[in-house]
Amino acid sequence: MSAGAPAAPAWRPSDLWRTFAGLVVVVGMAALLLSALDAVPSWVAGEPRDVRRVSSVEEAERRLRVRLFLPGYFPQTIEWPPSTVRVVAGRSGGAALAFDGRSGGHYMLLAQAARSPEVPPRLLPPATVLDESPVWLQGQRVSLRRIVGPDGTVWRELAWQAGERGLVLRSRGSVDEMLKMARSARQEP
């Protein structure tokens, strides 16, 4: 007589839960790994995850879908084009343009909001305010501050609004130079 096929084990509800728990663990580990891999470029660059470097002012404008404000007046001490252009997309987006001086080193940073009165703080390096004084710029009272950057360098910072958009200019140049640049900032067509 031949032996019959072995009987299939009886199904139990605990088998379903065990299978579901295994699937949750595998999917969770995959999500965790992908999240960690996504964070690596920002960690290496030392910037927040939503800040991206772009190659030009034009690319920043395309990503943000706005024309950026640029000073019409640039002193001879500043190099053009910007050495670094960074953007933050989204509703509270904006751009930061870093400029080097002709004698070397970082000289100026122009940060601006794309659609709001507040410049995204992720675009500005941390700073400690030493003192603050009011100045008049295009009919509005704005703050001129002396700040210390993360590298210990003393900068001047001018924050103002152009229409509904906030702008911040940080520079190692003179106050007169900064005010001329701020007054000449326009959106080019």
N, C-alpha and C. Protein backbone atom coordinates (compact mmCIF):
# COMPACT_ATOMS: atom_id res chain seq x y z
N MET A 1 0.81 -1.15 0.00
CA MET A 1 0.00 0.00 0.00
C MET A 1 0.87 1.24 0.00
N SER A 2 0.48 2.24 -0.70
CA SER A 2 1.30 3.43 -0.76
C SER A 2 0.87 4.42 0.31
N ALA A 3 1.85 5.18 0.76
CA ALA A 3 1.57 6.16 1.80
C ALA A 3 0.96 7.40 1.16
N GLY A 4 0.01 7.99 1.78
CA GLY A 4 -0.65 9.19 1.27
C GLY A 4 0.25 10.42 1.44
N ALA A 5 -0.11 11.46 0.77
CA ALA A 5 0.63 12.72 0.89
C ALA A 5 0.49 13.23 2.32
N PRO A 6 1.57 13.85 2.82
CA PRO A 6 1.47 14.34 4.18
C PRO A 6 0.40 15.43 4.27
N ALA A 7 -0.27 15.43 5.33
CA ALA A 7 -1.34 16.40 5.54
C ALA A 7 -0.74 17.78 5.83
N ALA A 8 -1.37 18.80 5.25
CA ALA A 8 -0.92 20.17 5.49
C ALA A 8 -1.21 20.53 6.94
N PRO A 9 -0.27 21.29 7.54
CA PRO A 9 -0.53 21.66 8.92
C PRO A 9 -1.78 22.55 9.01
N ALA A 10 -2.42 22.47 10.07
CA ALA A 10 -3.64 23.25 10.25
C ALA A 10 -3.29 24.74 10.37
N TRP A 11 -4.12 25.57 9.75
CA TRP A 11 -3.89 27.02 9.81
C TRP A 11 -4.39 27.54 11.14
N ARG A 12 -3.57 28.47 11.70
CA ARG A 12 -3.94 29.08 12.98
C ARG A 12 -3.88 30.60 12.83
N PRO A 13 -4.74 31.34 13.52
CA PRO A 13 -4.73 32.82 13.44
C PRO A 13 -3.39 33.42 13.85
N SER A 14 -2.66 32.77 14.73
CA SER A 14 -1.37 33.32 15.13
C SER A 14 -0.37 33.34 13.98
N ASP A 15 -0.56 32.45 12.99
CA ASP A 15 0.32 32.46 11.81
C ASP A 15 0.16 33.75 11.02
N LEU A 16 -1.05 34.23 10.91
CA LEU A 16 -1.31 35.48 10.20
C LEU A 16 -0.64 36.65 10.90
N TRP A 17 -0.75 36.72 12.20
CA TRP A 17 -0.13 37.81 12.96
C TRP A 17 1.39 37.75 12.88
N ARG A 18 1.95 36.56 12.91
CA ARG A 18 3.39 36.40 12.80
C ARG A 18 3.88 36.88 11.42
N THR A 19 3.15 36.54 10.38
CA THR A 19 3.50 36.97 9.02
C THR A 19 3.39 38.50 8.91
N PHE A 20 2.31 39.06 9.45
CA PHE A 20 2.11 40.51 9.42
C PHE A 20 3.21 41.23 10.19
N ALA A 21 3.58 40.72 11.35
CA ALA A 21 4.64 41.34 12.16
C ALA A 21 5.97 41.30 11.42
N GLY A 22 6.26 40.19 10.76
CA GLY A 22 7.50 40.09 9.97
C GLY A 22 7.52 41.09 8.84
N LEU A 23 6.38 41.27 8.16
CA LEU A 23 6.29 42.25 7.07
C LEU A 23 6.49 43.67 7.59
N VAL A 24 5.91 43.99 8.74
CA VAL A 24 6.06 45.32 9.34
C VAL A 24 7.53 45.59 9.68
N VAL A 25 8.21 44.60 10.22
CA VAL A 25 9.63 44.77 10.56
C VAL A 25 10.46 45.01 9.31
N VAL A 26 10.23 44.24 8.25
CA VAL A 26 11.00 44.39 7.01
C VAL A 26 10.75 45.76 6.38
N VAL A 27 9.49 46.17 6.27
CA VAL A 27 9.17 47.48 5.67
C VAL A 27 9.72 48.60 6.55
N GLY A 28 9.60 48.49 7.85
CA GLY A 28 10.13 49.51 8.75
C GLY A 28 11.63 49.66 8.64
N MET A 29 12.34 48.56 8.56
CA MET A 29 13.80 48.62 8.42
C MET A 29 14.20 49.24 7.08
N ALA A 30 13.45 48.91 6.02
CA ALA A 30 13.74 49.51 4.70
C ALA A 30 13.51 51.02 4.74
N ALA A 31 12.42 51.47 5.39
CA ALA A 31 12.15 52.91 5.50
C ALA A 31 13.22 53.61 6.31
N LEU A 32 13.66 52.99 7.38
CA LEU A 32 14.71 53.57 8.22
C LEU A 32 16.02 53.69 7.45
N LEU A 33 16.36 52.68 6.69
CA LEU A 33 17.59 52.70 5.89
C LEU A 33 17.52 53.78 4.81
N LEU A 34 16.39 53.88 4.12
CA LEU A 34 16.25 54.92 3.09
C LEU A 34 16.30 56.32 3.68
N SER A 35 15.70 56.50 4.84
CA SER A 35 15.75 57.80 5.51
C SER A 35 17.18 58.17 5.89
N ALA A 36 17.93 57.20 6.39
CA ALA A 36 19.33 57.46 6.75
C ALA A 36 20.16 57.80 5.51
N LEU A 37 19.93 57.08 4.42
CA LEU A 37 20.66 57.37 3.18
C LEU A 37 20.31 58.74 2.63
N ASP A 38 19.06 59.17 2.79
CA ASP A 38 18.63 60.49 2.34
C ASP A 38 19.31 61.61 3.14
N ALA A 39 19.60 61.35 4.40
CA ALA A 39 20.20 62.37 5.27
C ALA A 39 21.71 62.51 5.08
N VAL A 40 22.35 61.54 4.46
CA VAL A 40 23.82 61.56 4.34
C VAL A 40 24.34 62.79 3.61
N PRO A 41 23.80 63.17 2.42
CA PRO A 41 24.35 64.36 1.75
C PRO A 41 24.28 65.62 2.59
N SER A 42 23.17 65.83 3.30
CA SER A 42 23.04 67.02 4.15
C SER A 42 24.02 66.96 5.31
N TRP A 43 24.19 65.79 5.88
CA TRP A 43 25.12 65.62 7.00
C TRP A 43 26.55 65.91 6.55
N VAL A 44 26.93 65.42 5.37
CA VAL A 44 28.28 65.65 4.85
C VAL A 44 28.49 67.13 4.56
N ALA A 45 27.48 67.80 3.98
CA ALA A 45 27.60 69.22 3.64
C ALA A 45 27.46 70.12 4.86
N GLY A 46 26.94 69.58 5.97
CA GLY A 46 26.76 70.37 7.18
C GLY A 46 25.62 71.36 7.09
N GLU A 47 24.60 71.04 6.31
CA GLU A 47 23.45 71.93 6.13
C GLU A 47 22.17 71.19 6.47
N PRO A 48 21.10 71.93 6.77
CA PRO A 48 19.81 71.29 6.99
C PRO A 48 19.38 70.49 5.76
N ARG A 49 18.53 69.49 5.97
CA ARG A 49 18.14 68.58 4.89
C ARG A 49 17.43 69.26 3.75
N ASP A 50 16.65 70.30 4.01
CA ASP A 50 15.88 70.91 2.94
C ASP A 50 16.63 72.04 2.21
N VAL A 51 17.86 72.30 2.59
CA VAL A 51 18.68 73.31 1.91
C VAL A 51 19.47 72.62 0.81
N ARG A 52 19.35 73.15 -0.41
CA ARG A 52 20.04 72.56 -1.57
C ARG A 52 20.93 73.60 -2.23
N ARG A 53 22.10 73.16 -2.63
CA ARG A 53 22.99 74.03 -3.41
C ARG A 53 22.60 73.92 -4.87
N VAL A 54 22.60 75.05 -5.54
CA VAL A 54 22.33 75.08 -6.97
C VAL A 54 23.49 75.78 -7.66
N SER A 55 23.54 75.65 -8.97
CA SER A 55 24.71 76.12 -9.70
C SER A 55 24.69 77.60 -10.05
N SER A 56 23.51 78.23 -10.04
CA SER A 56 23.45 79.63 -10.47
C SER A 56 22.24 80.34 -9.90
N VAL A 57 22.23 81.66 -10.06
CA VAL A 57 21.08 82.47 -9.66
C VAL A 57 19.87 82.08 -10.50
N GLU A 58 20.08 81.83 -11.78
CA GLU A 58 18.98 81.45 -12.67
C GLU A 58 18.34 80.14 -12.23
N GLU A 59 19.13 79.16 -11.82
CA GLU A 59 18.57 77.90 -11.35
C GLU A 59 17.79 78.10 -10.06
N ALA A 60 18.27 78.96 -9.18
CA ALA A 60 17.54 79.26 -7.95
C ALA A 60 16.19 79.88 -8.28
N GLU A 61 16.16 80.79 -9.24
CA GLU A 61 14.90 81.41 -9.64
C GLU A 61 13.94 80.39 -10.25
N ARG A 62 14.46 79.45 -11.03
CA ARG A 62 13.60 78.41 -11.61
C ARG A 62 13.01 77.53 -10.51
N ARG A 63 13.83 77.14 -9.55
CA ARG A 63 13.34 76.27 -8.48
C ARG A 63 12.32 76.97 -7.59
N LEU A 64 12.54 78.24 -7.31
CA LEU A 64 11.63 78.99 -6.44
C LEU A 64 10.45 79.61 -7.19
N ARG A 65 10.57 79.70 -8.51
CA ARG A 65 9.54 80.31 -9.36
C ARG A 65 9.30 81.78 -9.02
N VAL A 66 10.36 82.49 -8.69
CA VAL A 66 10.31 83.93 -8.46
C VAL A 66 11.61 84.55 -8.98
N ARG A 67 11.54 85.84 -9.26
CA ARG A 67 12.76 86.57 -9.60
C ARG A 67 13.40 87.01 -8.29
N LEU A 68 14.70 86.83 -8.18
CA LEU A 68 15.41 87.22 -6.96
C LEU A 68 15.76 88.71 -7.02
N PHE A 69 15.84 89.30 -5.85
CA PHE A 69 16.32 90.67 -5.73
C PHE A 69 17.84 90.63 -5.78
N LEU A 70 18.42 91.46 -6.64
CA LEU A 70 19.88 91.57 -6.75
C LEU A 70 20.26 93.04 -6.70
N PRO A 71 21.33 93.37 -5.99
CA PRO A 71 21.77 94.77 -5.95
C PRO A 71 22.25 95.23 -7.32
N GLY A 72 21.86 96.43 -7.69
CA GLY A 72 22.38 97.02 -8.92
C GLY A 72 23.79 97.58 -8.70
N TYR A 73 24.07 97.90 -7.44
CA TYR A 73 25.38 98.43 -7.07
C TYR A 73 26.19 97.33 -6.39
N PHE A 74 27.36 97.05 -6.93
CA PHE A 74 28.31 96.13 -6.30
C PHE A 74 29.63 96.85 -6.16
N PRO A 75 30.15 96.94 -4.94
CA PRO A 75 31.46 97.57 -4.77
C PRO A 75 32.56 96.73 -5.43
N GLN A 76 33.66 97.37 -5.71
CA GLN A 76 34.79 96.69 -6.36
C GLN A 76 35.36 95.57 -5.49
N THR A 77 35.05 95.56 -4.22
CA THR A 77 35.63 94.58 -3.30
C THR A 77 34.95 93.21 -3.38
N ILE A 78 33.84 93.11 -4.13
CA ILE A 78 33.07 91.86 -4.18
C ILE A 78 33.16 91.20 -5.55
N GLU A 79 33.36 89.89 -5.55
CA GLU A 79 33.42 89.09 -6.78
C GLU A 79 32.01 88.75 -7.27
N TRP A 80 31.80 88.80 -8.57
CA TRP A 80 30.57 88.31 -9.19
C TRP A 80 30.98 87.20 -10.13
N PRO A 81 30.30 86.11 -10.24
CA PRO A 81 29.02 85.71 -9.67
C PRO A 81 29.18 85.20 -8.24
N PRO A 82 28.05 84.88 -7.59
CA PRO A 82 28.12 84.36 -6.22
C PRO A 82 28.95 83.08 -6.16
N SER A 83 29.68 82.91 -5.08
CA SER A 83 30.48 81.69 -4.91
C SER A 83 29.61 80.50 -4.55
N THR A 84 28.49 80.74 -3.88
CA THR A 84 27.55 79.69 -3.50
C THR A 84 26.13 80.22 -3.59
N VAL A 85 25.24 79.40 -4.14
CA VAL A 85 23.82 79.73 -4.19
C VAL A 85 23.08 78.55 -3.55
N ARG A 86 22.31 78.86 -2.50
CA ARG A 86 21.55 77.81 -1.81
C ARG A 86 20.08 78.18 -1.79
N VAL A 87 19.21 77.19 -1.86
CA VAL A 87 17.77 77.44 -1.85
C VAL A 87 17.07 76.50 -0.88
N VAL A 88 15.94 76.98 -0.40
CA VAL A 88 14.98 76.17 0.37
C VAL A 88 13.68 76.31 -0.39
N ALA A 89 13.13 75.19 -0.86
CA ALA A 89 11.88 75.23 -1.62
C ALA A 89 10.68 75.19 -0.67
N GLY A 90 9.50 75.35 -1.24
CA GLY A 90 8.28 75.26 -0.44
C GLY A 90 7.69 76.61 -0.14
N ARG A 91 6.63 76.58 0.67
CA ARG A 91 5.92 77.82 1.02
C ARG A 91 6.80 78.82 1.72
N SER A 92 7.65 78.36 2.61
CA SER A 92 8.54 79.27 3.33
C SER A 92 9.94 79.23 2.73
N GLY A 93 10.00 79.17 1.41
CA GLY A 93 11.27 79.04 0.71
C GLY A 93 12.00 80.35 0.57
N GLY A 94 13.21 80.24 0.06
CA GLY A 94 14.03 81.41 -0.17
C GLY A 94 15.38 81.02 -0.74
N ALA A 95 16.25 82.00 -0.88
CA ALA A 95 17.57 81.77 -1.45
C ALA A 95 18.61 82.56 -0.67
N ALA A 96 19.83 82.05 -0.68
CA ALA A 96 20.96 82.74 -0.07
C ALA A 96 22.11 82.73 -1.08
N LEU A 97 22.63 83.91 -1.36
CA LEU A 97 23.74 84.07 -2.29
C LEU A 97 24.96 84.50 -1.50
N ALA A 98 26.02 83.71 -1.54
CA ALA A 98 27.26 84.04 -0.83
C ALA A 98 28.27 84.57 -1.84
N PHE A 99 28.94 85.65 -1.47
CA PHE A 99 29.92 86.30 -2.35
C PHE A 99 31.27 86.35 -1.66
N ASP A 100 32.30 86.11 -2.44
CA ASP A 100 33.66 86.23 -1.93
C ASP A 100 34.18 87.63 -2.22
N GLY A 101 35.16 88.05 -1.43
CA GLY A 101 35.82 89.32 -1.67
C GLY A 101 36.94 89.15 -2.68
N ARG A 102 37.31 90.20 -3.34
CA ARG A 102 38.40 90.12 -4.33
C ARG A 102 39.73 89.77 -3.67
N SER A 103 39.86 90.08 -2.38
CA SER A 103 41.09 89.75 -1.67
C SER A 103 41.00 88.36 -1.03
N GLY A 104 39.89 87.63 -1.29
CA GLY A 104 39.73 86.28 -0.78
C GLY A 104 38.81 86.21 0.42
N GLY A 105 38.24 85.06 0.66
CA GLY A 105 37.38 84.84 1.82
C GLY A 105 35.96 85.32 1.61
N HIS A 106 35.07 84.84 2.45
CA HIS A 106 33.67 85.25 2.39
C HIS A 106 33.55 86.72 2.75
N TYR A 107 32.76 87.44 1.95
CA TYR A 107 32.65 88.88 2.14
C TYR A 107 31.21 89.33 2.38
N MET A 108 30.26 88.64 1.71
CA MET A 108 28.87 89.10 1.79
C MET A 108 27.92 87.93 1.60
N LEU A 109 26.75 88.01 2.26
CA LEU A 109 25.67 87.05 2.09
C LEU A 109 24.38 87.82 1.90
N LEU A 110 23.65 87.51 0.84
CA LEU A 110 22.35 88.12 0.59
C LEU A 110 21.32 86.99 0.63
N ALA A 111 20.47 87.00 1.65
CA ALA A 111 19.42 85.98 1.79
C ALA A 111 18.07 86.66 1.62
N GLN A 112 17.14 85.92 1.03
CA GLN A 112 15.82 86.50 0.80
C GLN A 112 14.75 85.43 0.79
N ALA A 113 13.57 85.83 1.22
CA ALA A 113 12.41 84.94 1.20
C ALA A 113 11.82 84.97 -0.20
N ALA A 114 11.22 83.86 -0.60
CA ALA A 114 10.59 83.80 -1.91
C ALA A 114 9.20 84.43 -1.90
N ARG A 115 8.46 84.23 -0.80
CA ARG A 115 7.08 84.71 -0.78
C ARG A 115 6.61 85.19 0.58
N SER A 116 7.48 85.44 1.50
CA SER A 116 7.03 85.83 2.83
C SER A 116 7.93 86.94 3.39
N PRO A 117 7.50 87.56 4.48
CA PRO A 117 8.31 88.62 5.07
C PRO A 117 9.50 88.11 5.88
N GLU A 118 9.54 86.81 6.15
CA GLU A 118 10.63 86.24 6.95
C GLU A 118 11.58 85.41 6.09
N VAL A 119 12.86 85.71 6.14
CA VAL A 119 13.87 84.90 5.46
C VAL A 119 13.97 83.56 6.21
N PRO A 120 13.98 82.43 5.49
CA PRO A 120 14.11 81.14 6.17
C PRO A 120 15.39 81.11 7.02
N PRO A 121 15.28 80.89 8.31
CA PRO A 121 16.46 80.92 9.18
C PRO A 121 17.50 79.86 8.83
N ARG A 122 17.09 78.80 8.12
CA ARG A 122 18.04 77.75 7.73
C ARG A 122 19.06 78.24 6.72
N LEU A 123 18.76 79.37 6.08
CA LEU A 123 19.69 79.92 5.09
C LEU A 123 20.76 80.81 5.70
N LEU A 124 20.57 81.21 6.95
CA LEU A 124 21.52 82.12 7.60
C LEU A 124 22.37 81.36 8.61
N PRO A 125 23.69 81.51 8.54
CA PRO A 125 24.52 80.91 9.58
C PRO A 125 24.18 81.50 10.94
N PRO A 126 24.33 80.74 12.00
CA PRO A 126 24.03 81.29 13.33
C PRO A 126 24.95 82.47 13.64
N ALA A 127 24.41 83.41 14.41
CA ALA A 127 25.19 84.61 14.74
C ALA A 127 24.75 85.13 16.10
N THR A 128 25.67 85.84 16.73
CA THR A 128 25.40 86.49 18.01
C THR A 128 25.38 87.99 17.77
N VAL A 129 24.30 88.65 18.19
CA VAL A 129 24.16 90.10 17.99
C VAL A 129 24.99 90.83 19.05
N LEU A 130 25.86 91.72 18.59
CA LEU A 130 26.66 92.54 19.50
C LEU A 130 25.94 93.84 19.85
N ASP A 131 25.41 94.51 18.82
CA ASP A 131 24.62 95.71 19.04
C ASP A 131 23.71 95.93 17.85
N GLU A 132 22.74 96.83 18.06
CA GLU A 132 21.73 97.08 17.03
C GLU A 132 21.38 98.55 17.04
N SER A 133 21.18 99.10 15.84
CA SER A 133 20.76 100.50 15.74
C SER A 133 19.79 100.64 14.57
N PRO A 134 18.84 101.57 14.70
CA PRO A 134 17.89 101.77 13.60
C PRO A 134 18.49 102.64 12.51
N VAL A 135 18.13 102.33 11.27
CA VAL A 135 18.49 103.17 10.12
C VAL A 135 17.26 103.25 9.22
N TRP A 136 17.24 104.26 8.36
CA TRP A 136 16.14 104.42 7.43
C TRP A 136 16.56 103.91 6.06
N LEU A 137 15.70 103.10 5.48
CA LEU A 137 15.97 102.54 4.15
C LEU A 137 14.67 102.57 3.36
N GLN A 138 14.65 103.36 2.30
CA GLN A 138 13.50 103.47 1.41
C GLN A 138 12.21 103.72 2.19
N GLY A 139 12.26 104.64 3.13
CA GLY A 139 11.09 105.04 3.87
C GLY A 139 10.67 104.11 5.00
N GLN A 140 11.45 103.10 5.26
CA GLN A 140 11.12 102.21 6.37
C GLN A 140 12.27 102.17 7.37
N ARG A 141 11.90 102.06 8.63
CA ARG A 141 12.90 101.96 9.69
C ARG A 141 13.30 100.49 9.81
N VAL A 142 14.58 100.23 9.64
CA VAL A 142 15.08 98.86 9.67
C VAL A 142 16.22 98.77 10.68
N SER A 143 16.60 97.54 11.00
CA SER A 143 17.66 97.32 11.98
C SER A 143 18.99 97.04 11.30
N LEU A 144 20.00 97.73 11.79
CA LEU A 144 21.37 97.46 11.39
C LEU A 144 22.06 96.87 12.62
N ARG A 145 22.59 95.68 12.47
CA ARG A 145 23.22 94.99 13.60
C ARG A 145 24.68 94.70 13.31
N ARG A 146 25.45 94.66 14.38
CA ARG A 146 26.80 94.09 14.31
C ARG A 146 26.67 92.71 14.92
N ILE A 147 27.15 91.71 14.19
CA ILE A 147 27.02 90.32 14.65
C ILE A 147 28.36 89.62 14.58
N VAL A 148 28.46 88.53 15.34
CA VAL A 148 29.63 87.66 15.28
C VAL A 148 29.18 86.35 14.66
N GLY A 149 29.82 85.97 13.57
CA GLY A 149 29.48 84.73 12.88
C GLY A 149 30.07 83.52 13.57
N PRO A 150 29.77 82.32 13.07
CA PRO A 150 30.24 81.09 13.70
C PRO A 150 31.77 80.95 13.70
N ASP A 151 32.43 81.66 12.79
CA ASP A 151 33.90 81.59 12.74
C ASP A 151 34.58 82.67 13.58
N GLY A 152 33.77 83.50 14.28
CA GLY A 152 34.33 84.55 15.13
C GLY A 152 34.52 85.88 14.43
N THR A 153 34.18 85.95 13.14
CA THR A 153 34.32 87.19 12.37
C THR A 153 33.15 88.13 12.66
N VAL A 154 33.45 89.42 12.78
CA VAL A 154 32.41 90.42 13.00
C VAL A 154 31.87 90.87 11.64
N TRP A 155 30.56 90.82 11.49
CA TRP A 155 29.85 91.21 10.28
C TRP A 155 28.84 92.30 10.63
N ARG A 156 28.33 92.95 9.61
CA ARG A 156 27.18 93.83 9.77
C ARG A 156 26.00 93.15 9.08
N GLU A 157 24.81 93.34 9.66
CA GLU A 157 23.61 92.71 9.10
C GLU A 157 22.51 93.76 8.97
N LEU A 158 21.92 93.81 7.81
CA LEU A 158 20.82 94.72 7.52
C LEU A 158 19.63 93.87 7.09
N ALA A 159 18.51 93.99 7.79
CA ALA A 159 17.30 93.23 7.46
C ALA A 159 16.19 94.21 7.09
N TRP A 160 15.50 93.97 5.95
CA TRP A 160 14.43 94.85 5.51
C TRP A 160 13.44 94.07 4.65
N GLN A 161 12.38 94.74 4.24
CA GLN A 161 11.39 94.15 3.37
C GLN A 161 11.31 94.92 2.07
N ALA A 162 11.18 94.17 0.98
CA ALA A 162 10.92 94.75 -0.33
C ALA A 162 9.57 94.19 -0.76
N GLY A 163 8.55 95.02 -0.70
CA GLY A 163 7.20 94.52 -0.93
C GLY A 163 6.82 93.60 0.22
N GLU A 164 6.43 92.40 -0.11
CA GLU A 164 6.05 91.40 0.91
C GLU A 164 7.18 90.44 1.23
N ARG A 165 8.36 90.68 0.68
CA ARG A 165 9.47 89.73 0.83
C ARG A 165 10.55 90.26 1.75
N GLY A 166 11.02 89.41 2.64
CA GLY A 166 12.09 89.77 3.55
C GLY A 166 13.45 89.54 2.92
N LEU A 167 14.40 90.44 3.23
CA LEU A 167 15.77 90.31 2.76
C LEU A 167 16.72 90.56 3.93
N VAL A 168 17.86 89.88 3.90
CA VAL A 168 18.91 90.07 4.90
C VAL A 168 20.22 90.17 4.14
N LEU A 169 20.96 91.23 4.42
CA LEU A 169 22.28 91.43 3.83
C LEU A 169 23.30 91.41 4.96
N ARG A 170 24.23 90.47 4.89
CA ARG A 170 25.34 90.42 5.85
C ARG A 170 26.61 90.72 5.07
N SER A 171 27.42 91.60 5.64
CA SER A 171 28.63 92.00 4.92
C SER A 171 29.75 92.36 5.89
N ARG A 172 30.97 92.24 5.40
CA ARG A 172 32.13 92.72 6.15
C ARG A 172 32.52 94.11 5.70
N GLY A 173 31.74 94.68 4.76
CA GLY A 173 32.02 96.01 4.24
C GLY A 173 31.47 97.10 5.13
N SER A 174 31.53 98.32 4.62
CA SER A 174 31.09 99.49 5.39
C SER A 174 29.57 99.60 5.38
N VAL A 175 29.05 100.41 6.31
CA VAL A 175 27.61 100.65 6.39
C VAL A 175 27.14 101.37 5.13
N ASP A 176 27.88 102.37 4.67
CA ASP A 176 27.49 103.09 3.45
C ASP A 176 27.39 102.15 2.26
N GLU A 177 28.35 101.24 2.13
CA GLU A 177 28.35 100.26 1.06
C GLU A 177 27.10 99.38 1.14
N MET A 178 26.76 98.93 2.34
CA MET A 178 25.59 98.08 2.51
C MET A 178 24.30 98.82 2.17
N LEU A 179 24.18 100.07 2.62
CA LEU A 179 22.97 100.83 2.34
C LEU A 179 22.82 101.11 0.85
N LYS A 180 23.92 101.38 0.15
CA LYS A 180 23.85 101.57 -1.30
C LYS A 180 23.38 100.29 -1.99
N MET A 181 23.89 99.16 -1.53
CA MET A 181 23.48 97.89 -2.13
C MET A 181 22.01 97.61 -1.85
N ALA A 182 21.57 97.85 -0.64
CA ALA A 182 20.18 97.59 -0.29
C ALA A 182 19.24 98.50 -1.08
N ARG A 183 19.61 99.75 -1.21
CA ARG A 183 18.77 100.71 -1.96
C ARG A 183 18.67 100.33 -3.44
N SER A 184 19.71 99.70 -3.95
CA SER A 184 19.72 99.37 -5.39
C SER A 184 19.18 97.97 -5.67
N ALA A 185 18.76 97.23 -4.65
CA ALA A 185 18.26 95.86 -4.87
C ALA A 185 16.95 95.89 -5.64
N ARG A 186 16.92 95.17 -6.75
CA ARG A 186 15.74 95.12 -7.62
C ARG A 186 15.59 93.70 -8.16
N GLN A 187 14.37 93.42 -8.62
CA GLN A 187 14.11 92.19 -9.36
C GLN A 187 14.32 92.50 -10.83
N GLU A 188 15.24 91.80 -11.43
CA GLU A 188 15.50 92.03 -12.86
C GLU A 188 14.45 91.29 -13.69
N PRO A 189 13.97 91.92 -14.77
CA PRO A 189 12.94 91.26 -15.61
C PRO A 189 13.49 90.08 -16.36
